[in-house]
PDB file of all heavy atoms in Angstrom:
ATOM      1  N   GLY A   1      10.192   5.851   4.225  1.00  0.00           N
ATOM      2  CA  GLY A   1      10.799   6.534   5.336  1.00  0.00           C
ATOM      3  C   GLY A   1      10.002   7.646   5.944  1.00  0.00           C
ATOM      4  O   GLY A   1      10.488   8.332   6.864  1.00  0.00           O
ATOM      5  N   ARG A   2       8.771   7.892   5.464  1.00  0.00           N
ATOM      6  CA  ARG A   2       7.924   8.905   6.075  1.00  0.00           C
ATOM      7  C   ARG A   2       7.164   8.335   7.253  1.00  0.00           C
ATOM      8  O   ARG A   2       7.143   7.149   7.435  1.00  0.00           O
ATOM      9  CB  ARG A   2       6.910   9.430   5.044  1.00  0.00           C
ATOM     10  CG  ARG A   2       7.488  10.128   3.843  1.00  0.00           C
ATOM     11  CD  ARG A   2       6.380  10.609   2.865  1.00  0.00           C
ATOM     12  NE  ARG A   2       5.619   9.476   2.384  1.00  0.00           N
ATOM     13  CZ  ARG A   2       4.342   9.250   2.714  1.00  0.00           C
ATOM     14  NH1 ARG A   2       3.723  10.054   3.564  1.00  0.00           N
ATOM     15  NH2 ARG A   2       3.689   8.250   2.235  1.00  0.00           N
ATOM     16  N   TYR A   3       6.615   9.218   8.065  1.00  0.00           N
ATOM     17  CA  TYR A   3       5.714   8.792   9.136  1.00  0.00           C
ATOM     18  C   TYR A   3       4.314   9.235   8.808  1.00  0.00           C
ATOM     19  O   TYR A   3       4.064  10.353   8.319  1.00  0.00           O
ATOM     20  CB  TYR A   3       6.145   9.414  10.478  1.00  0.00           C
ATOM     21  CG  TYR A   3       7.330   8.715  11.106  1.00  0.00           C
ATOM     22  CD1 TYR A   3       8.575   9.368  11.164  1.00  0.00           C
ATOM     23  CD2 TYR A   3       7.235   7.443  11.598  1.00  0.00           C
ATOM     24  CE1 TYR A   3       9.661   8.730  11.724  1.00  0.00           C
ATOM     25  CE2 TYR A   3       8.291   6.780  12.169  1.00  0.00           C
ATOM     26  CZ  TYR A   3       9.515   7.423  12.248  1.00  0.00           C
ATOM     27  OH  TYR A   3      10.592   6.816  12.778  1.00  0.00           O
ATOM     28  N   VAL A   4       3.316   8.333   9.074  1.00  0.00           N
ATOM     29  CA  VAL A   4       1.932   8.641   8.855  1.00  0.00           C
ATOM     30  C   VAL A   4       1.157   8.222  10.062  1.00  0.00           C
ATOM     31  O   VAL A   4       1.527   7.235  10.731  1.00  0.00           O
ATOM     32  CB  VAL A   4       1.422   7.935   7.576  1.00  0.00           C
ATOM     33  CG1 VAL A   4       1.475   6.415   7.709  1.00  0.00           C
ATOM     34  CG2 VAL A   4      -0.007   8.393   7.222  1.00  0.00           C
ATOM     35  N   PHE A   5       0.135   8.949  10.394  1.00  0.00           N
ATOM     36  CA  PHE A   5      -0.670   8.674  11.553  1.00  0.00           C
ATOM     37  C   PHE A   5      -1.737   7.662  11.137  1.00  0.00           C
ATOM     38  O   PHE A   5      -2.658   8.005  10.328  1.00  0.00           O
ATOM     39  CB  PHE A   5      -1.320   9.931  12.101  1.00  0.00           C
ATOM     40  CG  PHE A   5      -2.134   9.728  13.393  1.00  0.00           C
ATOM     41  CD1 PHE A   5      -1.476   9.737  14.597  1.00  0.00           C
ATOM     42  CD2 PHE A   5      -3.459   9.534  13.355  1.00  0.00           C
ATOM     43  CE1 PHE A   5      -2.165   9.572  15.776  1.00  0.00           C
ATOM     44  CE2 PHE A   5      -4.207   9.349  14.530  1.00  0.00           C
ATOM     45  CZ  PHE A   5      -3.576   9.376  15.747  1.00  0.00           C
ATOM     46  N   ILE A   6      -1.683   6.436  11.655  1.00  0.00           N
ATOM     47  CA  ILE A   6      -2.646   5.382  11.318  1.00  0.00           C
ATOM     48  C   ILE A   6      -3.812   5.472  12.293  1.00  0.00           C
ATOM     49  O   ILE A   6      -3.634   5.380  13.514  1.00  0.00           O
ATOM     50  CB  ILE A   6      -1.996   3.982  11.358  1.00  0.00           C
ATOM     51  CG1 ILE A   6      -0.826   3.891  10.393  1.00  0.00           C
ATOM     52  CG2 ILE A   6      -3.086   2.914  10.996  1.00  0.00           C
ATOM     53  CD1 ILE A   6      -1.153   4.094   8.956  1.00  0.00           C
ATOM     54  N   ILE A   7      -5.009   5.614  11.739  1.00  0.00           N
ATOM     55  CA  ILE A   7      -6.179   5.811  12.591  1.00  0.00           C
ATOM     56  C   ILE A   7      -6.625   4.494  13.215  1.00  0.00           C
ATOM     57  O   ILE A   7      -6.807   3.498  12.549  1.00  0.00           O
ATOM     58  CB  ILE A   7      -7.348   6.376  11.734  1.00  0.00           C
ATOM     59  CG1 ILE A   7      -6.951   7.779  11.241  1.00  0.00           C
ATOM     60  CG2 ILE A   7      -8.629   6.453  12.556  1.00  0.00           C
ATOM     61  CD1 ILE A   7      -7.987   8.353  10.260  1.00  0.00           C
ATOM     62  N   GLU A   8      -6.777   4.507  14.556  1.00  0.00           N
ATOM     63  CA  GLU A   8      -7.352   3.384  15.264  1.00  0.00           C
ATOM     64  C   GLU A   8      -8.877   3.556  15.310  1.00  0.00           C
ATOM     65  O   GLU A   8      -9.611   2.726  14.821  1.00  0.00           O
ATOM     66  CB  GLU A   8      -6.776   3.333  16.684  1.00  0.00           C
ATOM     67  CG  GLU A   8      -7.400   2.238  17.511  1.00  0.00           C
ATOM     68  CD  GLU A   8      -7.251   2.486  18.994  1.00  0.00           C
ATOM     69  OE1 GLU A   8      -7.290   3.642  19.436  1.00  0.00           O
ATOM     70  OE2 GLU A   8      -7.121   1.520  19.761  1.00  0.00           O
ATOM     71  N   THR A   9      -9.352   4.644  15.927  1.00  0.00           N
ATOM     72  CA  THR A   9     -10.780   4.944  15.932  1.00  0.00           C
ATOM     73  C   THR A   9     -11.000   6.384  15.439  1.00  0.00           C
ATOM     74  O   THR A   9     -10.145   7.235  15.619  1.00  0.00           O
ATOM     75  CB  THR A   9     -11.376   4.864  17.365  1.00  0.00           C
ATOM     76  OG1 THR A   9     -10.818   5.888  18.206  1.00  0.00           O
ATOM     77  CG2 THR A   9     -11.092   3.503  18.027  1.00  0.00           C
ATOM     78  N   GLY A  10     -12.103   6.600  14.772  1.00  0.00           N
ATOM     79  CA  GLY A  10     -12.415   7.944  14.255  1.00  0.00           C
ATOM     80  C   GLY A  10     -12.323   8.080  12.789  1.00  0.00           C
ATOM     81  O   GLY A  10     -12.235   9.188  12.294  1.00  0.00           O
ATOM     82  N   GLU A  11     -12.413   6.951  12.013  1.00  0.00           N
ATOM     83  CA  GLU A  11     -12.393   7.042  10.550  1.00  0.00           C
ATOM     84  C   GLU A  11     -13.551   7.888  10.029  1.00  0.00           C
ATOM     85  O   GLU A  11     -13.429   8.610   9.051  1.00  0.00           O
ATOM     86  CB  GLU A  11     -12.399   5.682   9.926  1.00  0.00           C
ATOM     87  CG  GLU A  11     -12.232   5.773   8.392  1.00  0.00           C
ATOM     88  CD  GLU A  11     -12.120   4.403   7.702  1.00  0.00           C
ATOM     89  OE1 GLU A  11     -11.911   3.409   8.408  1.00  0.00           O
ATOM     90  OE2 GLU A  11     -12.267   4.381   6.472  1.00  0.00           O
ATOM     91  N   ARG A  12     -14.730   7.775  10.679  1.00  0.00           N
ATOM     92  CA  ARG A  12     -15.856   8.562  10.276  1.00  0.00           C
ATOM     93  C   ARG A  12     -15.572  10.082  10.373  1.00  0.00           C
ATOM     94  O   ARG A  12     -15.939  10.878   9.540  1.00  0.00           O
ATOM     95  CB  ARG A  12     -17.124   8.239  11.073  1.00  0.00           C
ATOM     96  CG  ARG A  12     -17.651   6.819  10.873  1.00  0.00           C
ATOM     97  CD  ARG A  12     -18.851   6.534  11.711  1.00  0.00           C
ATOM     98  NE  ARG A  12     -19.972   7.349  11.310  1.00  0.00           N
ATOM     99  CZ  ARG A  12     -20.775   7.036  10.289  1.00  0.00           C
ATOM    100  NH1 ARG A  12     -20.586   5.952   9.581  1.00  0.00           N
ATOM    101  NH2 ARG A  12     -21.801   7.809   9.980  1.00  0.00           N
ATOM    102  N   ARG A  13     -14.875  10.471  11.447  1.00  0.00           N
ATOM    103  CA  ARG A  13     -14.531  11.889  11.614  1.00  0.00           C
ATOM    104  C   ARG A  13     -13.500  12.323  10.527  1.00  0.00           C
ATOM    105  O   ARG A  13     -13.522  13.449  10.062  1.00  0.00           O
ATOM    106  CB  ARG A  13     -13.947  12.106  13.021  1.00  0.00           C
ATOM    107  CG  ARG A  13     -15.044  11.856  14.098  1.00  0.00           C
ATOM    108  CD  ARG A  13     -14.562  12.099  15.489  1.00  0.00           C
ATOM    109  NE  ARG A  13     -13.810  11.014  16.115  1.00  0.00           N
ATOM    110  CZ  ARG A  13     -14.354   9.881  16.529  1.00  0.00           C
ATOM    111  NH1 ARG A  13     -15.602   9.592  16.338  1.00  0.00           N
ATOM    112  NH2 ARG A  13     -13.578   8.952  17.110  1.00  0.00           N
ATOM    113  N   PHE A  14     -12.610  11.402  10.197  1.00  0.00           N
ATOM    114  CA  PHE A  14     -11.630  11.688   9.121  1.00  0.00           C
ATOM    115  C   PHE A  14     -12.347  11.972   7.817  1.00  0.00           C
ATOM    116  O   PHE A  14     -12.148  12.999   7.140  1.00  0.00           O
ATOM    117  CB  PHE A  14     -10.697  10.473   8.982  1.00  0.00           C
ATOM    118  CG  PHE A  14      -9.827  10.478   7.756  1.00  0.00           C
ATOM    119  CD1 PHE A  14      -8.608  11.149   7.747  1.00  0.00           C
ATOM    120  CD2 PHE A  14     -10.214   9.782   6.602  1.00  0.00           C
ATOM    121  CE1 PHE A  14      -7.780  11.120   6.635  1.00  0.00           C
ATOM    122  CE2 PHE A  14      -9.420   9.774   5.483  1.00  0.00           C
ATOM    123  CZ  PHE A  14      -8.204  10.446   5.503  1.00  0.00           C
ATOM    124  N   TRP A  15     -13.281  11.092   7.409  1.00  0.00           N
ATOM    125  CA  TRP A  15     -13.934  11.255   6.121  1.00  0.00           C
ATOM    126  C   TRP A  15     -14.933  12.442   6.178  1.00  0.00           C
ATOM    127  O   TRP A  15     -15.168  13.127   5.170  1.00  0.00           O
ATOM    128  CB  TRP A  15     -14.674   9.978   5.679  1.00  0.00           C
ATOM    129  CG  TRP A  15     -13.708   8.926   5.183  1.00  0.00           C
ATOM    130  CD1 TRP A  15     -13.498   7.703   5.708  1.00  0.00           C
ATOM    131  CD2 TRP A  15     -12.829   9.050   4.089  1.00  0.00           C
ATOM    132  NE1 TRP A  15     -12.515   6.997   5.037  1.00  0.00           N
ATOM    133  CE2 TRP A  15     -12.110   7.807   3.979  1.00  0.00           C
ATOM    134  CE3 TRP A  15     -12.591   9.983   3.112  1.00  0.00           C
ATOM    135  CZ2 TRP A  15     -11.166   7.555   3.012  1.00  0.00           C
ATOM    136  CZ3 TRP A  15     -11.642   9.745   2.129  1.00  0.00           C
ATOM    137  CH2 TRP A  15     -10.929   8.534   2.088  1.00  0.00           C
ATOM    138  N   ALA A  16     -15.508  12.662   7.340  1.00  0.00           N
ATOM    139  CA  ALA A  16     -16.399  13.825   7.488  1.00  0.00           C
ATOM    140  C   ALA A  16     -15.688  15.106   7.178  1.00  0.00           C
ATOM    141  O   ALA A  16     -16.175  16.019   6.500  1.00  0.00           O
ATOM    142  CB  ALA A  16     -17.036  13.825   8.914  1.00  0.00           C
ATOM    143  N   ALA A  17     -14.455  15.216   7.706  1.00  0.00           N
ATOM    144  CA  ALA A  17     -13.643  16.416   7.497  1.00  0.00           C
ATOM    145  C   ALA A  17     -13.256  16.564   6.020  1.00  0.00           C
ATOM    146  O   ALA A  17     -13.294  17.647   5.423  1.00  0.00           O
ATOM    147  CB  ALA A  17     -12.395  16.385   8.381  1.00  0.00           C
ATOM    148  N   CYS A  18     -12.870  15.450   5.347  1.00  0.00           N
ATOM    149  CA  CYS A  18     -12.493  15.481   3.968  1.00  0.00           C
ATOM    150  C   CYS A  18     -13.659  15.864   3.075  1.00  0.00           C
ATOM    151  O   CYS A  18     -13.527  16.682   2.168  1.00  0.00           O
ATOM    152  CB  CYS A  18     -11.969  14.100   3.553  1.00  0.00           C
ATOM    153  SG  CYS A  18     -10.414  13.641   4.322  1.00  0.00           S
ATOM    154  N   LEU A  19     -14.821  15.232   3.299  1.00  0.00           N
ATOM    155  CA  LEU A  19     -16.011  15.507   2.499  1.00  0.00           C
ATOM    156  C   LEU A  19     -16.431  16.972   2.607  1.00  0.00           C
ATOM    157  O   LEU A  19     -16.762  17.616   1.613  1.00  0.00           O
ATOM    158  CB  LEU A  19     -17.150  14.582   2.892  1.00  0.00           C
ATOM    159  CG  LEU A  19     -16.994  13.098   2.471  1.00  0.00           C
ATOM    160  CD1 LEU A  19     -17.920  12.211   3.273  1.00  0.00           C
ATOM    161  CD2 LEU A  19     -17.271  12.956   0.959  1.00  0.00           C
ATOM    162  N   ARG A  20     -16.416  17.468   3.844  1.00  0.00           N
ATOM    163  CA  ARG A  20     -16.834  18.843   4.052  1.00  0.00           C
ATOM    164  C   ARG A  20     -15.844  19.801   3.374  1.00  0.00           C
ATOM    165  O   ARG A  20     -16.254  20.826   2.790  1.00  0.00           O
ATOM    166  CB  ARG A  20     -16.972  19.159   5.523  1.00  0.00           C
ATOM    167  CG  ARG A  20     -17.430  20.563   5.789  1.00  0.00           C
ATOM    168  CD  ARG A  20     -17.599  20.868   7.261  1.00  0.00           C
ATOM    169  NE  ARG A  20     -17.829  22.290   7.456  1.00  0.00           N
ATOM    170  CZ  ARG A  20     -16.901  23.219   7.470  1.00  0.00           C
ATOM    171  NH1 ARG A  20     -15.604  22.852   7.345  1.00  0.00           N
ATOM    172  NH2 ARG A  20     -17.209  24.505   7.615  1.00  0.00           N
ATOM    173  N   ALA A  21     -14.570  19.491   3.464  1.00  0.00           N
ATOM    174  CA  ALA A  21     -13.569  20.381   2.857  1.00  0.00           C
ATOM    175  C   ALA A  21     -13.770  20.478   1.339  1.00  0.00           C
ATOM    176  O   ALA A  21     -13.660  21.543   0.741  1.00  0.00           O
ATOM    177  CB  ALA A  21     -12.174  19.846   3.170  1.00  0.00           C
ATOM    178  N   VAL A  22     -14.089  19.355   0.730  1.00  0.00           N
ATOM    179  CA  VAL A  22     -14.319  19.328  -0.733  1.00  0.00           C
ATOM    180  C   VAL A  22     -15.631  20.037  -1.092  1.00  0.00           C
ATOM    181  O   VAL A  22     -15.694  20.875  -1.950  1.00  0.00           O
ATOM    182  CB  VAL A  22     -14.302  17.898  -1.267  1.00  0.00           C
ATOM    183  CG1 VAL A  22     -14.746  17.869  -2.748  1.00  0.00           C
ATOM    184  CG2 VAL A  22     -12.922  17.276  -1.110  1.00  0.00           C
ATOM    185  N   GLN A  23     -16.678  19.700  -0.357  1.00  0.00           N
ATOM    186  CA  GLN A  23     -17.988  20.313  -0.663  1.00  0.00           C
ATOM    187  C   GLN A  23     -17.969  21.813  -0.474  1.00  0.00           C
ATOM    188  O   GLN A  23     -18.529  22.587  -1.286  1.00  0.00           O
ATOM    189  CB  GLN A  23     -19.074  19.710   0.243  1.00  0.00           C
ATOM    190  CG  GLN A  23     -20.477  20.201  -0.152  1.00  0.00           C
ATOM    191  CD  GLN A  23     -21.551  19.739   0.818  1.00  0.00           C
ATOM    192  OE1 GLN A  23     -21.472  20.079   2.020  1.00  0.00           O
ATOM    193  NE2 GLN A  23     -22.523  19.030   0.333  1.00  0.00           N
ATOM    194  N   GLU A  24     -17.300  22.290   0.606  1.00  0.00           N
ATOM    195  CA  GLU A  24     -17.240  23.705   0.906  1.00  0.00           C
ATOM    196  C   GLU A  24     -16.105  24.442   0.189  1.00  0.00           C
ATOM    197  O   GLU A  24     -16.004  25.636   0.318  1.00  0.00           O
ATOM    198  CB  GLU A  24     -17.109  23.922   2.426  1.00  0.00           C
ATOM    199  CG  GLU A  24     -18.273  23.371   3.255  1.00  0.00           C
ATOM    200  CD  GLU A  24     -19.592  24.084   2.954  1.00  0.00           C
ATOM    201  OE1 GLU A  24     -19.559  25.335   2.732  1.00  0.00           O
ATOM    202  OE2 GLU A  24     -20.635  23.438   2.956  1.00  0.00           O
ATOM    203  N   GLN A  25     -15.306  23.662  -0.524  1.00  0.00           N
ATOM    204  CA  GLN A  25     -14.145  24.233  -1.267  1.00  0.00           C
ATOM    205  C   GLN A  25     -13.272  25.085  -0.352  1.00  0.00           C
ATOM    206  O   GLN A  25     -12.938  26.250  -0.647  1.00  0.00           O
ATOM    207  CB  GLN A  25     -14.669  25.085  -2.455  1.00  0.00           C
ATOM    208  CG  GLN A  25     -15.405  24.252  -3.487  1.00  0.00           C
ATOM    209  CD  GLN A  25     -15.828  25.065  -4.690  1.00  0.00           C
ATOM    210  OE1 GLN A  25     -16.326  26.202  -4.563  1.00  0.00           O
ATOM    211  NE2 GLN A  25     -15.615  24.520  -5.900  1.00  0.00           N
ATOM    212  N   LEU A  26     -12.901  24.509   0.780  1.00  0.00           N
ATOM    213  CA  LEU A  26     -12.064  25.229   1.746  1.00  0.00           C
ATOM    214  C   LEU A  26     -10.719  25.498   1.146  1.00  0.00           C
ATOM    215  O   LEU A  26     -10.142  24.697   0.424  1.00  0.00           O
ATOM    216  CB  LEU A  26     -11.942  24.404   3.039  1.00  0.00           C
ATOM    217  CG  LEU A  26     -13.216  24.043   3.758  1.00  0.00           C
ATOM    218  CD1 LEU A  26     -12.909  23.314   5.058  1.00  0.00           C
ATOM    219  CD2 LEU A  26     -14.061  25.280   4.052  1.00  0.00           C
ATOM    220  N   SER A  27     -10.180  26.613   1.505  1.00  0.00           N
ATOM    221  CA  SER A  27      -8.870  27.016   0.950  1.00  0.00           C
ATOM    222  C   SER A  27      -7.700  26.342   1.641  1.00  0.00           C
ATOM    223  O   SER A  27      -6.596  26.335   1.129  1.00  0.00           O
ATOM    224  CB  SER A  27      -8.699  28.552   1.061  1.00  0.00           C
ATOM    225  OG  SER A  27      -8.757  28.951   2.394  1.00  0.00           O
ATOM    226  N   GLU A  28      -7.918  25.847   2.867  1.00  0.00           N
ATOM    227  CA  GLU A  28      -6.856  25.149   3.595  1.00  0.00           C
ATOM    228  C   GLU A  28      -7.443  23.838   4.120  1.00  0.00           C
ATOM    229  O   GLU A  28      -8.643  23.702   4.322  1.00  0.00           O
ATOM    230  CB  GLU A  28      -6.325  26.003   4.722  1.00  0.00           C
ATOM    231  CG  GLU A  28      -5.645  27.269   4.270  1.00  0.00           C
ATOM    232  CD  GLU A  28      -5.027  28.016   5.454  1.00  0.00           C
ATOM    233  OE1 GLU A  28      -5.059  27.497   6.581  1.00  0.00           O
ATOM    234  OE2 GLU A  28      -4.559  29.177   5.206  1.00  0.00           O
ATOM    235  N   GLU A  29      -6.537  22.898   4.383  1.00  0.00           N
ATOM    236  CA  GLU A  29      -6.974  21.649   4.990  1.00  0.00           C
ATOM    237  C   GLU A  29      -7.523  21.860   6.388  1.00  0.00           C
ATOM    238  O   GLU A  29      -6.982  22.687   7.152  1.00  0.00           O
ATOM    239  CB  GLU A  29      -5.809  20.651   5.054  1.00  0.00           C
ATOM    240  CG  GLU A  29      -5.374  20.050   3.762  1.00  0.00           C
ATOM    241  CD  GLU A  29      -4.487  18.835   3.971  1.00  0.00           C
ATOM    242  OE1 GLU A  29      -5.034  17.792   4.431  1.00  0.00           O
ATOM    243  OE2 GLU A  29      -3.304  18.924   3.723  1.00  0.00           O
ATOM    244  N   PRO A  30      -8.573  21.104   6.744  1.00  0.00           N
ATOM    245  CA  PRO A  30      -9.030  21.157   8.122  1.00  0.00           C
ATOM    246  C   PRO A  30      -8.050  20.499   9.080  1.00  0.00           C
ATOM    247  O   PRO A  30      -7.136  19.762   8.604  1.00  0.00           O
ATOM    248  CB  PRO A  30     -10.340  20.381   8.088  1.00  0.00           C
ATOM    249  CG  PRO A  30     -10.195  19.406   6.948  1.00  0.00           C
ATOM    250  CD  PRO A  30      -9.318  20.150   5.916  1.00  0.00           C
ATOM    251  N   LEU A  31      -8.180  20.764  10.355  1.00  0.00           N
ATOM    252  CA  LEU A  31      -7.328  20.140  11.341  1.00  0.00           C
ATOM    253  C   LEU A  31      -8.219  19.326  12.269  1.00  0.00           C
ATOM    254  O   LEU A  31      -9.270  19.770  12.696  1.00  0.00           O
ATOM    255  CB  LEU A  31      -6.595  21.208  12.198  1.00  0.00           C
ATOM    256  CG  LEU A  31      -5.467  21.985  11.405  1.00  0.00           C
ATOM    257  CD1 LEU A  31      -4.999  23.150  12.265  1.00  0.00           C
ATOM    258  CD2 LEU A  31      -4.320  21.039  11.020  1.00  0.00           C
ATOM    259  N   LEU A  32      -7.798  18.131  12.565  1.00  0.00           N
ATOM    260  CA  LEU A  32      -8.524  17.223  13.467  1.00  0.00           C
ATOM    261  C   LEU A  32      -7.733  17.002  14.693  1.00  0.00           C
ATOM    262  O   LEU A  32      -6.479  16.871  14.673  1.00  0.00           O
ATOM    263  CB  LEU A  32      -8.759  15.891  12.759  1.00  0.00           C
ATOM    264  CG  LEU A  32      -9.768  15.893  11.629  1.00  0.00           C
ATOM    265  CD1 LEU A  32      -9.779  14.560  10.865  1.00  0.00           C
ATOM    266  CD2 LEU A  32     -11.189  16.149  12.142  1.00  0.00           C
ATOM    267  N   ARG A  33      -8.420  16.961  15.845  1.00  0.00           N
ATOM    268  CA  ARG A  33      -7.752  16.689  17.104  1.00  0.00           C
ATOM    269  C   ARG A  33      -7.544  15.204  17.240  1.00  0.00           C
ATOM    270  O   ARG A  33      -8.508  14.398  17.054  1.00  0.00           O
ATOM    271  CB  ARG A  33      -8.579  17.175  18.307  1.00  0.00           C
ATOM    272  CG  ARG A  33      -7.985  16.958  19.670  1.00  0.00           C
ATOM    273  CD  ARG A  33      -8.694  17.789  20.718  1.00  0.00           C
ATOM    274  NE  ARG A  33     -10.138  17.554  20.774  1.00  0.00           N
ATOM    275  CZ  ARG A  33     -10.695  16.630  21.630  1.00  0.00           C
ATOM    276  NH1 ARG A  33      -9.930  15.949  22.457  1.00  0.00           N
ATOM    277  NH2 ARG A  33     -11.980  16.477  21.656  1.00  0.00           N
ATOM    278  N   VAL A  34      -6.350  14.781  17.513  1.00  0.00           N
ATOM    279  CA  VAL A  34      -6.026  13.336  17.608  1.00  0.00           C
ATOM    280  C   VAL A  34      -5.343  13.033  18.906  1.00  0.00           C
ATOM    281  O   VAL A  34      -4.663  13.874  19.477  1.00  0.00           O
ATOM    282  CB  VAL A  34      -5.118  12.851  16.432  1.00  0.00           C
ATOM    283  CG1 VAL A  34      -5.744  13.236  15.085  1.00  0.00           C
ATOM    284  CG2 VAL A  34      -3.730  13.355  16.544  1.00  0.00           C
ATOM    285  N   GLU A  35      -5.535  11.848  19.403  1.00  0.00           N
ATOM    286  CA  GLU A  35      -4.835  11.323  20.577  1.00  0.00           C
ATOM    287  C   GLU A  35      -3.895  10.219  20.102  1.00  0.00           C
ATOM    288  O   GLU A  35      -4.316   9.266  19.466  1.00  0.00           O
ATOM    289  CB  GLU A  35      -5.794  10.769  21.609  1.00  0.00           C
ATOM    290  CG  GLU A  35      -6.623  11.844  22.333  1.00  0.00           C
ATOM    291  CD  GLU A  35      -7.508  11.249  23.398  1.00  0.00           C
ATOM    292  OE1 GLU A  35      -7.547   9.990  23.526  1.00  0.00           O
ATOM    293  OE2 GLU A  35      -8.154  12.020  24.132  1.00  0.00           O
ATOM    294  N   VAL A  36      -2.594  10.424  20.394  1.00  0.00           N
ATOM    295  CA  VAL A  36      -1.627   9.396  20.061  1.00  0.00           C
ATOM    296  C   VAL A  36      -1.618   8.392  21.209  1.00  0.00           C
ATOM    297  O   VAL A  36      -1.375   8.749  22.383  1.00  0.00           O
ATOM    298  CB  VAL A  36      -0.224   9.992  19.906  1.00  0.00           C
ATOM    299  CG1 VAL A  36       0.806   8.920  19.581  1.00  0.00           C
ATOM    300  CG2 VAL A  36      -0.243  11.069  18.852  1.00  0.00           C
TER     301      VAL A  36
END
């Protein structure tokens, strides 16, 4: 019953943000600009 945003294009940007967040040990999740 939840809603999730399924990526059409931009998976590389998604993983880039995740990898950088882990490597840099960011205290909060990054935010990505998306077009619905």
